[in-house]
């Protein structure tokens, strides 16, 4: 049994490490996102949906650079198709986050912060899945 687990671990070690790095970058992106959102919404009084768009766009730029060069270690020069896919994935994720944020705050009556946390979770699931299997998949290198 242990031998089988070791073989399985060795087979997927690269993928597991890549997922871990994606998680680290995601954590840092979340800090960037929440930091910019908090500055805009709580400190500057910017409308919460506008603050979300700006915060998400800032975190998206951060995410692209770190995921491209560290997580997925793309060796080729960046190209328009890859960046376009990345932006499209993040627009989809932003849409998910905006809908969940709005529904949580306006429909469910949750606080803005709780709604933001829930929205971030849903957007993260969509973002990872699409980046892993579409934008940065091995066949794209």
C-alpha atoms as a PDB file:
ATOM      1  CA  UNK A   1       0.000   0.000   0.000  1.00  0.00           C
ATOM      2  CA  UNK A   2       2.723   2.496   0.971  1.00  0.00           C
ATOM      3  CA  UNK A   3       4.661   1.593  -2.160  1.00  0.00           C
ATOM      4  CA  UNK A   4       1.616   2.359  -4.291  1.00  0.00           C
ATOM      5  CA  UNK A   5       1.139   5.719  -2.579  1.00  0.00           C
ATOM      6  CA  UNK A   6       4.801   6.567  -3.118  1.00  0.00           C
ATOM      7  CA  UNK A   7       4.553   5.706  -6.824  1.00  0.00           C
ATOM      8  CA  UNK A   8       1.361   7.739  -7.119  1.00  0.00           C
ATOM      9  CA  UNK A   9       2.931  10.682  -5.294  1.00  0.00           C
ATOM     10  CA  UNK A  10       6.033  10.574  -7.492  1.00  0.00           C
ATOM     11  CA  UNK A  11       3.889  10.423 -10.614  1.00  0.00           C
ATOM     12  CA  UNK A  12       1.905  13.527  -9.640  1.00  0.00           C
ATOM     13  CA  UNK A  13       4.555  15.420  -7.643  1.00  0.00           C
ATOM     14  CA  UNK A  14       4.908  18.134 -10.283  1.00  0.00           C
ATOM     15  CA  UNK A  15       1.134  18.621 -10.498  1.00  0.00           C
ATOM     16  CA  UNK A  16       0.804  18.758  -6.711  1.00  0.00           C
ATOM     17  CA  UNK A  17       3.612  21.314  -6.443  1.00  0.00           C
ATOM     18  CA  UNK A  18       2.015  23.339  -9.234  1.00  0.00           C
ATOM     19  CA  UNK A  19      -1.320  23.299  -7.413  1.00  0.00           C
ATOM     20  CA  UNK A  20       0.442  24.396  -4.240  1.00  0.00           C
ATOM     21  CA  UNK A  21       2.114  27.296  -6.033  1.00  0.00           C
ATOM     22  CA  UNK A  22      -1.219  28.258  -7.598  1.00  0.00           C
ATOM     23  CA  UNK A  23      -2.662  28.300  -4.087  1.00  0.00           C
ATOM     24  CA  UNK A  24       0.154  30.514  -2.794  1.00  0.00           C
ATOM     25  CA  UNK A  25      -0.299  32.938  -5.681  1.00  0.00           C
ATOM     26  CA  UNK A  26      -4.048  32.804  -5.094  1.00  0.00           C
ATOM     27  CA  UNK A  27      -3.508  33.691  -1.438  1.00  0.00           C
ATOM     28  CA  UNK A  28      -1.337  36.639  -2.398  1.00  0.00           C
ATOM     29  CA  UNK A  29      -3.903  37.685  -5.028  1.00  0.00           C
ATOM     30  CA  UNK A  30      -6.588  37.543  -2.377  1.00  0.00           C
ATOM     31  CA  UNK A  31      -4.521  39.850  -0.176  1.00  0.00           C
ATOM     32  CA  UNK A  32      -4.043  42.261  -3.094  1.00  0.00           C
ATOM     33  CA  UNK A  33      -7.757  42.045  -3.955  1.00  0.00           C
ATOM     34  CA  UNK A  34      -8.964  42.550  -0.382  1.00  0.00           C
ATOM     35  CA  UNK A  35      -6.363  45.254   0.251  1.00  0.00           C
ATOM     36  CA  UNK A  36      -7.336  47.335  -2.781  1.00  0.00           C
ATOM     37  CA  UNK A  37     -11.047  46.690  -2.158  1.00  0.00           C
ATOM     38  CA  UNK A  38     -10.735  47.768   1.491  1.00  0.00           C
ATOM     39  CA  UNK A  39      -8.808  50.914   0.628  1.00  0.00           C
ATOM     40  CA  UNK A  40     -11.326  51.902  -2.016  1.00  0.00           C
ATOM     41  CA  UNK A  41     -14.548  50.898  -0.239  1.00  0.00           C
ATOM     42  CA  UNK A  42     -13.827  51.464   3.436  1.00  0.00           C
ATOM     43  CA  UNK A  43     -11.224  54.246   3.279  1.00  0.00           C
ATOM     44  CA  UNK A  44     -12.178  56.148   0.118  1.00  0.00           C
ATOM     45  CA  UNK A  45     -15.935  55.467   0.053  1.00  0.00           C
ATOM     46  CA  UNK A  46     -15.980  54.101  -3.496  1.00  0.00           C
ATOM     47  CA  UNK A  47     -19.206  52.238  -4.431  1.00  0.00           C
ATOM     48  CA  UNK A  48     -18.709  48.562  -3.515  1.00  0.00           C
ATOM     49  CA  UNK A  49     -19.212  47.136  -7.033  1.00  0.00           C
ATOM     50  CA  UNK A  50     -16.820  49.703  -8.533  1.00  0.00           C
ATOM     51  CA  UNK A  51     -14.292  48.916  -5.800  1.00  0.00           C
ATOM     52  CA  UNK A  52     -14.669  45.217  -6.634  1.00  0.00           C
ATOM     53  CA  UNK A  53     -13.920  45.754 -10.339  1.00  0.00           C
ATOM     54  CA  UNK A  54     -10.804  47.829  -9.619  1.00  0.00           C
ATOM     55  CA  UNK A  55      -9.564  45.457  -6.917  1.00  0.00           C
ATOM     56  CA  UNK A  56     -10.151  42.416  -9.105  1.00  0.00           C
ATOM     57  CA  UNK A  57      -8.353  44.001 -12.084  1.00  0.00           C
ATOM     58  CA  UNK A  58      -5.343  44.816  -9.903  1.00  0.00           C
ATOM     59  CA  UNK A  59      -5.199  41.269  -8.553  1.00  0.00           C
ATOM     60  CA  UNK A  60      -5.590  39.886 -12.103  1.00  0.00           C
ATOM     61  CA  UNK A  61      -2.425  41.655 -13.269  1.00  0.00           C
ATOM     62  CA  UNK A  62      -0.566  40.340 -10.226  1.00  0.00           C
ATOM     63  CA  UNK A  63      -1.944  36.849 -10.859  1.00  0.00           C
ATOM     64  CA  UNK A  64      -0.954  36.696 -14.515  1.00  0.00           C
ATOM     65  CA  UNK A  65       2.668  37.562 -13.855  1.00  0.00           C
ATOM     66  CA  UNK A  66       3.129  35.197 -10.908  1.00  0.00           C
ATOM     67  CA  UNK A  67       1.226  32.284 -12.435  1.00  0.00           C
ATOM     68  CA  UNK A  68       2.863  32.599 -15.819  1.00  0.00           C
ATOM     69  CA  UNK A  69       6.449  32.838 -14.606  1.00  0.00           C
ATOM     70  CA  UNK A  70       6.415  30.988 -11.287  1.00  0.00           C
ATOM     71  CA  UNK A  71       3.485  28.579 -11.102  1.00  0.00           C
ATOM     72  CA  UNK A  72       3.426  27.352 -14.693  1.00  0.00           C
ATOM     73  CA  UNK A  73       6.960  28.498 -15.640  1.00  0.00           C
ATOM     74  CA  UNK A  74       6.100  29.400 -19.204  1.00  0.00           C
ATOM     75  CA  UNK A  75       9.365  29.702 -21.131  1.00  0.00           C
ATOM     76  CA  UNK A  76       8.007  31.181 -24.354  1.00  0.00           C
ATOM     77  CA  UNK A  77       7.352  34.852 -24.806  1.00  0.00           C
ATOM     78  CA  UNK A  78       3.905  35.927 -23.719  1.00  0.00           C
ATOM     79  CA  UNK A  79       1.493  35.902 -26.627  1.00  0.00           C
ATOM     80  CA  UNK A  80      -1.822  37.569 -27.247  1.00  0.00           C
ATOM     81  CA  UNK A  81      -3.867  34.346 -27.278  1.00  0.00           C
ATOM     82  CA  UNK A  82      -2.596  33.277 -23.840  1.00  0.00           C
ATOM     83  CA  UNK A  83      -3.159  36.683 -22.293  1.00  0.00           C
ATOM     84  CA  UNK A  84      -6.585  36.925 -23.942  1.00  0.00           C
ATOM     85  CA  UNK A  85      -7.583  33.564 -22.460  1.00  0.00           C
ATOM     86  CA  UNK A  86      -6.263  34.642 -19.060  1.00  0.00           C
ATOM     87  CA  UNK A  87      -8.222  37.888 -19.182  1.00  0.00           C
ATOM     88  CA  UNK A  88     -11.348  36.050 -20.340  1.00  0.00           C
ATOM     89  CA  UNK A  89     -11.027  33.590 -17.437  1.00  0.00           C
ATOM     90  CA  UNK A  90     -10.699  36.499 -15.043  1.00  0.00           C
ATOM     91  CA  UNK A  91     -13.676  38.312 -16.557  1.00  0.00           C
ATOM     92  CA  UNK A  92     -15.717  35.154 -16.033  1.00  0.00           C
ATOM     93  CA  UNK A  93     -14.398  34.892 -12.464  1.00  0.00           C
ATOM     94  CA  UNK A  94     -15.145  38.574 -11.898  1.00  0.00           C
ATOM     95  CA  UNK A  95     -18.688  38.021 -13.144  1.00  0.00           C
ATOM     96  CA  UNK A  96     -19.105  35.133 -10.735  1.00  0.00           C
ATOM     97  CA  UNK A  97     -17.753  37.251  -7.872  1.00  0.00           C
ATOM     98  CA  UNK A  98     -20.003  40.207  -8.713  1.00  0.00           C
ATOM     99  CA  UNK A  99     -23.122  38.043  -8.885  1.00  0.00           C
ATOM    100  CA  UNK A 100     -22.337  36.254  -5.621  1.00  0.00           C
ATOM    101  CA  UNK A 101     -21.338  39.527  -3.908  1.00  0.00           C
ATOM    102  CA  UNK A 102     -24.571  41.187  -5.034  1.00  0.00           C
ATOM    103  CA  UNK A 103     -26.754  38.206  -4.117  1.00  0.00           C
ATOM    104  CA  UNK A 104     -25.106  37.848  -0.726  1.00  0.00           C
ATOM    105  CA  UNK A 105     -25.391  41.514   0.147  1.00  0.00           C
ATOM    106  CA  UNK A 106     -28.635  42.561  -1.509  1.00  0.00           C
ATOM    107  CA  UNK A 107     -30.679  39.366  -1.585  1.00  0.00           C
ATOM    108  CA  UNK A 108     -29.453  37.352   1.417  1.00  0.00           C
ATOM    109  CA  UNK A 109     -28.818  40.406   3.612  1.00  0.00           C
ATOM    110  CA  UNK A 110     -25.271  39.350   4.504  1.00  0.00           C
ATOM    111  CA  UNK A 111     -22.613  41.902   5.376  1.00  0.00           C
ATOM    112  CA  UNK A 112     -20.400  43.177   2.591  1.00  0.00           C
ATOM    113  CA  UNK A 113     -17.385  41.395   4.097  1.00  0.00           C
ATOM    114  CA  UNK A 114     -19.106  37.997   4.395  1.00  0.00           C
ATOM    115  CA  UNK A 115     -20.509  38.383   0.884  1.00  0.00           C
ATOM    116  CA  UNK A 116     -17.014  39.249  -0.374  1.00  0.00           C
ATOM    117  CA  UNK A 117     -15.518  36.144   1.267  1.00  0.00           C
ATOM    118  CA  UNK A 118     -18.164  33.877  -0.262  1.00  0.00           C
ATOM    119  CA  UNK A 119     -17.766  35.565  -3.667  1.00  0.00           C
ATOM    120  CA  UNK A 120     -14.001  35.083  -3.509  1.00  0.00           C
ATOM    121  CA  UNK A 121     -14.383  31.349  -2.867  1.00  0.00           C
ATOM    122  CA  UNK A 122     -16.660  30.827  -5.864  1.00  0.00           C
ATOM    123  CA  UNK A 123     -14.479  32.956  -8.140  1.00  0.00           C
ATOM    124  CA  UNK A 124     -11.375  31.038  -7.019  1.00  0.00           C
ATOM    125  CA  UNK A 125     -12.869  27.666  -7.966  1.00  0.00           C
ATOM    126  CA  UNK A 126     -13.822  28.932 -11.433  1.00  0.00           C
ATOM    127  CA  UNK A 127     -10.464  30.670 -11.912  1.00  0.00           C
ATOM    128  CA  UNK A 128      -8.295  27.690 -10.968  1.00  0.00           C
ATOM    129  CA  UNK A 129     -10.258  25.248 -13.082  1.00  0.00           C
ATOM    130  CA  UNK A 130     -10.164  27.363 -16.222  1.00  0.00           C
ATOM    131  CA  UNK A 131      -6.504  28.365 -15.810  1.00  0.00           C
ATOM    132  CA  UNK A 132      -5.348  24.822 -15.144  1.00  0.00           C
ATOM    133  CA  UNK A 133      -7.221  23.158 -17.956  1.00  0.00           C
ATOM    134  CA  UNK A 134      -7.415  25.902 -20.585  1.00  0.00           C
ATOM    135  CA  UNK A 135      -4.992  28.822 -20.233  1.00  0.00           C
ATOM    136  CA  UNK A 136      -1.808  27.260 -18.846  1.00  0.00           C
ATOM    137  CA  UNK A 137      -2.280  23.588 -19.682  1.00  0.00           C
ATOM    138  CA  UNK A 138       0.872  21.778 -20.763  1.00  0.00           C
ATOM    139  CA  UNK A 139      -0.269  21.676 -24.395  1.00  0.00           C
ATOM    140  CA  UNK A 140      -0.082  25.500 -24.498  1.00  0.00           C
ATOM    141  CA  UNK A 141       3.694  25.603 -23.924  1.00  0.00           C
END
